[in-house]
N, C-alpha and C. Protein backbone atom coordinates (compact mmCIF):
# COMPACT_ATOMS: atom_id res chain seq x y z
N MET A 1 98.71 152.22 205.85
CA MET A 1 97.53 151.87 205.13
C MET A 1 97.81 151.89 203.72
N ASN A 2 97.40 150.94 202.99
CA ASN A 2 97.77 150.79 201.60
C ASN A 2 96.55 151.41 200.69
N MET A 3 96.98 152.35 199.75
CA MET A 3 96.04 153.01 198.99
C MET A 3 95.57 152.17 197.94
N GLY A 4 94.18 152.35 197.44
CA GLY A 4 93.75 151.48 196.39
C GLY A 4 94.15 152.15 194.99
N LYS A 5 94.03 151.46 193.81
CA LYS A 5 94.40 151.85 192.67
C LYS A 5 93.01 152.14 191.89
N VAL A 6 93.14 153.10 191.00
CA VAL A 6 91.96 153.34 190.18
C VAL A 6 92.31 153.22 188.54
N ALA A 7 91.46 152.66 187.88
CA ALA A 7 91.71 152.63 186.40
C ALA A 7 90.65 153.60 185.76
N ALA A 8 91.07 154.36 184.88
CA ALA A 8 90.21 155.33 184.16
C ALA A 8 90.48 155.18 182.76
N VAL A 9 89.27 155.06 181.98
CA VAL A 9 89.37 155.02 180.55
C VAL A 9 88.62 156.17 180.08
N TYR A 10 89.35 156.80 179.09
CA TYR A 10 88.77 158.03 178.33
C TYR A 10 88.88 157.73 176.94
N ASN A 11 87.92 158.39 176.04
CA ASN A 11 87.92 158.62 174.71
C ASN A 11 88.27 160.01 174.33
N LEU A 12 89.46 160.10 173.63
CA LEU A 12 89.85 161.45 173.20
C LEU A 12 89.44 161.50 171.83
N ILE A 13 88.59 162.72 171.48
CA ILE A 13 88.14 162.75 170.14
C ILE A 13 88.93 164.03 169.48
N PRO A 14 89.61 163.74 168.41
CA PRO A 14 90.40 164.74 167.80
C PRO A 14 89.48 165.87 167.09
N GLU A 15 90.00 167.05 166.78
CA GLU A 15 89.25 168.10 166.20
C GLU A 15 88.67 167.84 164.84
N SER A 16 89.45 166.91 164.03
CA SER A 16 89.00 166.60 162.69
C SER A 16 89.68 165.25 162.38
N PRO A 17 89.11 164.71 161.23
CA PRO A 17 89.72 163.38 160.68
C PRO A 17 91.25 163.64 160.19
N GLU A 18 91.48 164.99 159.90
CA GLU A 18 92.90 165.04 159.38
C GLU A 18 94.04 165.01 160.58
N VAL A 19 93.54 165.08 161.82
CA VAL A 19 94.38 165.05 162.94
C VAL A 19 94.85 163.58 163.06
N PRO A 20 96.15 163.32 162.92
CA PRO A 20 96.73 161.93 163.01
C PRO A 20 96.68 161.47 164.50
N PRO A 21 96.04 160.25 164.67
CA PRO A 21 95.86 159.69 165.95
C PRO A 21 97.15 159.56 166.73
N GLU A 22 98.25 159.16 165.89
CA GLU A 22 99.59 159.05 166.47
C GLU A 22 100.15 160.29 167.13
N GLN A 23 99.78 161.44 166.53
CA GLN A 23 100.12 162.80 167.06
C GLN A 23 99.64 163.04 168.53
N VAL A 24 98.25 162.60 168.66
CA VAL A 24 97.53 162.75 169.97
C VAL A 24 98.27 161.82 170.93
N MET A 25 98.43 160.48 170.46
CA MET A 25 98.99 159.52 171.35
C MET A 25 100.30 159.81 171.82
N LYS A 26 101.15 160.48 171.05
CA LYS A 26 102.45 160.93 171.33
C LYS A 26 102.47 161.96 172.49
N ALA A 27 101.40 162.83 172.50
CA ALA A 27 101.19 163.88 173.50
C ALA A 27 100.72 163.34 174.79
N VAL A 28 99.92 162.27 174.81
CA VAL A 28 99.27 161.86 176.11
C VAL A 28 100.28 161.69 177.30
N PRO A 29 101.21 160.80 177.19
CA PRO A 29 102.11 160.54 178.29
C PRO A 29 102.95 161.85 178.82
N THR A 30 102.97 162.82 177.92
CA THR A 30 103.72 164.07 178.36
C THR A 30 102.82 165.01 179.08
N GLN A 31 101.57 164.86 179.12
CA GLN A 31 100.48 165.73 179.59
C GLN A 31 99.92 165.22 180.96
N VAL A 32 99.78 163.93 181.13
CA VAL A 32 99.20 163.39 182.37
C VAL A 32 99.89 163.85 183.58
N PRO A 33 99.13 164.07 184.72
CA PRO A 33 99.85 164.41 185.94
C PRO A 33 100.72 163.52 186.51
N GLN A 34 101.64 163.98 187.35
CA GLN A 34 102.41 163.02 188.02
C GLN A 34 101.70 162.07 188.89
N GLY A 35 102.07 160.79 188.92
CA GLY A 35 101.36 159.73 189.65
C GLY A 35 100.34 158.95 188.80
N VAL A 36 100.18 159.37 187.44
CA VAL A 36 99.26 158.74 186.65
C VAL A 36 100.04 158.00 185.67
N GLU A 37 99.82 156.64 185.45
CA GLU A 37 100.59 155.86 184.37
C GLU A 37 99.59 155.63 183.34
N VAL A 38 100.07 155.91 182.02
CA VAL A 38 99.34 155.53 180.83
C VAL A 38 99.50 154.12 180.62
N ASN A 39 98.39 153.19 180.77
CA ASN A 39 98.51 151.84 180.80
C ASN A 39 98.36 151.32 179.47
N ASN A 40 97.48 151.99 178.58
CA ASN A 40 97.11 151.35 177.16
C ASN A 40 96.42 152.56 176.36
N MET A 41 96.72 152.59 175.06
CA MET A 41 96.09 153.37 174.07
C MET A 41 95.63 152.76 172.89
N VAL A 42 94.44 152.84 172.44
CA VAL A 42 93.87 152.14 171.31
C VAL A 42 93.16 153.09 170.35
N VAL A 43 93.42 153.04 169.15
CA VAL A 43 92.77 153.86 168.10
C VAL A 43 91.53 153.12 167.60
N LYS A 44 90.34 153.79 167.64
CA LYS A 44 89.17 153.11 167.13
C LYS A 44 88.38 154.00 166.19
N PRO A 45 87.73 153.45 165.13
CA PRO A 45 87.00 154.18 164.33
C PRO A 45 85.75 154.81 165.06
N PHE A 46 85.40 155.98 164.60
CA PHE A 46 84.30 156.57 165.35
C PHE A 46 83.16 156.97 164.32
N ALA A 47 83.25 158.02 163.69
CA ALA A 47 82.12 158.43 162.55
C ALA A 47 82.74 159.26 161.57
N PHE A 48 82.30 159.30 160.47
CA PHE A 48 82.68 160.21 159.34
C PHE A 48 84.21 160.30 159.11
N GLY A 49 84.84 159.18 159.21
CA GLY A 49 86.34 159.02 159.07
C GLY A 49 87.16 159.37 160.31
N LEU A 50 86.36 159.93 161.24
CA LEU A 50 87.15 160.36 162.52
C LEU A 50 87.54 159.11 163.41
N LYS A 51 88.75 159.15 163.98
CA LYS A 51 89.18 157.95 164.83
C LYS A 51 89.39 158.61 166.19
N ILE A 52 88.92 157.78 167.24
CA ILE A 52 89.02 158.18 168.57
C ILE A 52 90.25 157.46 169.21
N ILE A 53 90.86 158.03 170.28
CA ILE A 53 91.88 157.37 170.89
C ILE A 53 91.33 156.96 172.35
N GLU A 54 91.33 155.66 172.58
CA GLU A 54 90.85 155.17 173.93
C GLU A 54 92.07 155.08 174.80
N VAL A 55 92.14 155.87 175.88
CA VAL A 55 93.21 155.88 176.81
C VAL A 55 92.87 155.36 178.16
N THR A 56 93.65 154.36 178.70
CA THR A 56 93.44 153.81 179.93
C THR A 56 94.71 154.19 180.80
N CYS A 57 94.31 154.82 182.07
CA CYS A 57 95.33 155.27 182.86
C CYS A 57 95.10 154.50 184.26
N ILE A 58 96.20 154.36 185.00
CA ILE A 58 96.12 153.68 186.20
C ILE A 58 96.77 154.71 187.24
N MET A 59 96.22 155.00 188.43
CA MET A 59 96.74 155.78 189.42
C MET A 59 96.21 155.47 190.84
N ASP A 60 96.93 156.02 191.75
CA ASP A 60 96.47 155.89 193.05
C ASP A 60 95.15 156.55 193.43
N ASP A 61 94.37 156.06 194.26
CA ASP A 61 93.04 156.57 194.56
C ASP A 61 93.16 157.85 195.54
N THR A 62 93.67 158.90 195.00
CA THR A 62 93.96 160.15 195.79
C THR A 62 92.98 161.09 195.47
N SER A 63 92.59 162.05 196.40
CA SER A 63 91.80 163.15 196.12
C SER A 63 92.08 164.07 195.05
N GLY A 64 91.16 164.33 194.06
CA GLY A 64 91.44 165.33 193.05
C GLY A 64 92.23 164.76 191.83
N ILE A 65 92.76 163.50 191.78
CA ILE A 65 93.55 163.07 190.79
C ILE A 65 92.80 162.96 189.39
N ILE A 66 91.55 162.33 189.51
CA ILE A 66 90.65 162.38 188.27
C ILE A 66 90.45 163.60 187.61
N GLU A 67 90.17 164.76 188.48
CA GLU A 67 90.00 165.89 187.91
C GLU A 67 91.16 166.48 187.30
N ARG A 68 92.31 166.32 187.81
CA ARG A 68 93.67 166.76 187.21
C ARG A 68 94.02 166.02 185.88
N LEU A 69 93.59 164.74 185.96
CA LEU A 69 93.82 164.01 184.63
C LEU A 69 92.87 164.46 183.56
N GLU A 70 91.56 164.55 183.86
CA GLU A 70 90.72 165.13 182.83
C GLU A 70 91.14 166.40 182.28
N GLU A 71 91.61 167.43 183.11
CA GLU A 71 91.97 168.72 182.67
C GLU A 71 93.20 168.58 181.83
N ALA A 72 94.17 167.67 182.22
CA ALA A 72 95.33 167.53 181.40
C ALA A 72 95.01 166.94 179.99
N LEU A 73 94.08 165.98 179.94
CA LEU A 73 93.75 165.44 178.63
C LEU A 73 93.09 166.29 177.67
N LYS A 74 92.16 167.30 178.37
CA LYS A 74 91.42 168.30 177.58
C LYS A 74 92.51 169.31 177.15
N GLY A 75 93.69 169.44 177.69
CA GLY A 75 94.76 170.44 177.25
C GLY A 75 95.51 169.95 176.06
N ILE A 76 95.46 168.71 175.73
CA ILE A 76 96.32 168.19 174.62
C ILE A 76 95.83 168.90 173.31
N PRO A 77 96.83 169.38 172.48
CA PRO A 77 96.48 170.12 171.21
C PRO A 77 95.69 169.20 170.36
N GLN A 78 94.74 169.82 169.63
CA GLN A 78 93.92 169.16 168.60
C GLN A 78 93.05 167.99 169.17
N VAL A 79 92.72 168.01 170.42
CA VAL A 79 91.62 167.26 171.06
C VAL A 79 90.44 168.14 171.17
N GLN A 80 89.42 167.65 170.61
CA GLN A 80 88.07 168.47 170.76
C GLN A 80 87.37 168.17 171.96
N SER A 81 87.41 166.89 172.38
CA SER A 81 86.59 166.55 173.57
C SER A 81 87.32 165.22 174.28
N VAL A 82 86.87 165.14 175.49
CA VAL A 82 87.36 163.95 176.39
C VAL A 82 86.26 163.39 176.96
N ASP A 83 85.86 162.16 176.68
CA ASP A 83 84.73 161.53 177.35
C ASP A 83 85.18 160.41 178.21
N SER A 84 84.62 160.44 179.38
CA SER A 84 84.96 159.44 180.34
C SER A 84 84.13 158.20 180.05
N VAL A 85 84.83 157.00 179.89
CA VAL A 85 84.08 155.73 179.62
C VAL A 85 83.87 154.96 180.78
N THR A 86 85.02 154.93 181.65
CA THR A 86 84.74 154.10 182.91
C THR A 86 85.84 154.59 183.88
N ILE A 87 85.43 154.61 185.18
CA ILE A 87 86.43 154.76 186.30
C ILE A 87 86.15 153.85 187.34
N THR A 88 87.09 153.06 187.67
CA THR A 88 86.82 151.96 188.64
C THR A 88 88.03 151.58 189.56
N LEU A 89 87.75 151.13 190.75
CA LEU A 89 88.83 150.75 191.68
C LEU A 89 89.31 149.31 191.09
N ILE A 90 90.78 149.05 191.13
CA ILE A 90 91.14 147.83 190.80
C ILE A 90 92.03 147.25 191.89
């Protein structure tokens, strides 16, 4: 039986405008759990000079993978919050 794939998009919000988005982006691939592929990262203006990093990840539709991914993203240094934008089967 072939397992489906899931695409998950998250906005990572740095702690302050002084945090370079590149620094956060460099940490993302090293933090995601095994079996999760970082498909795309885009820096977007947010508010008050703050930039958010939109991260798109692709993974197999396995139990608990989304929760592990969210915890890993929240553990990235200088990331204040992680907001789920969309999670969908592909």
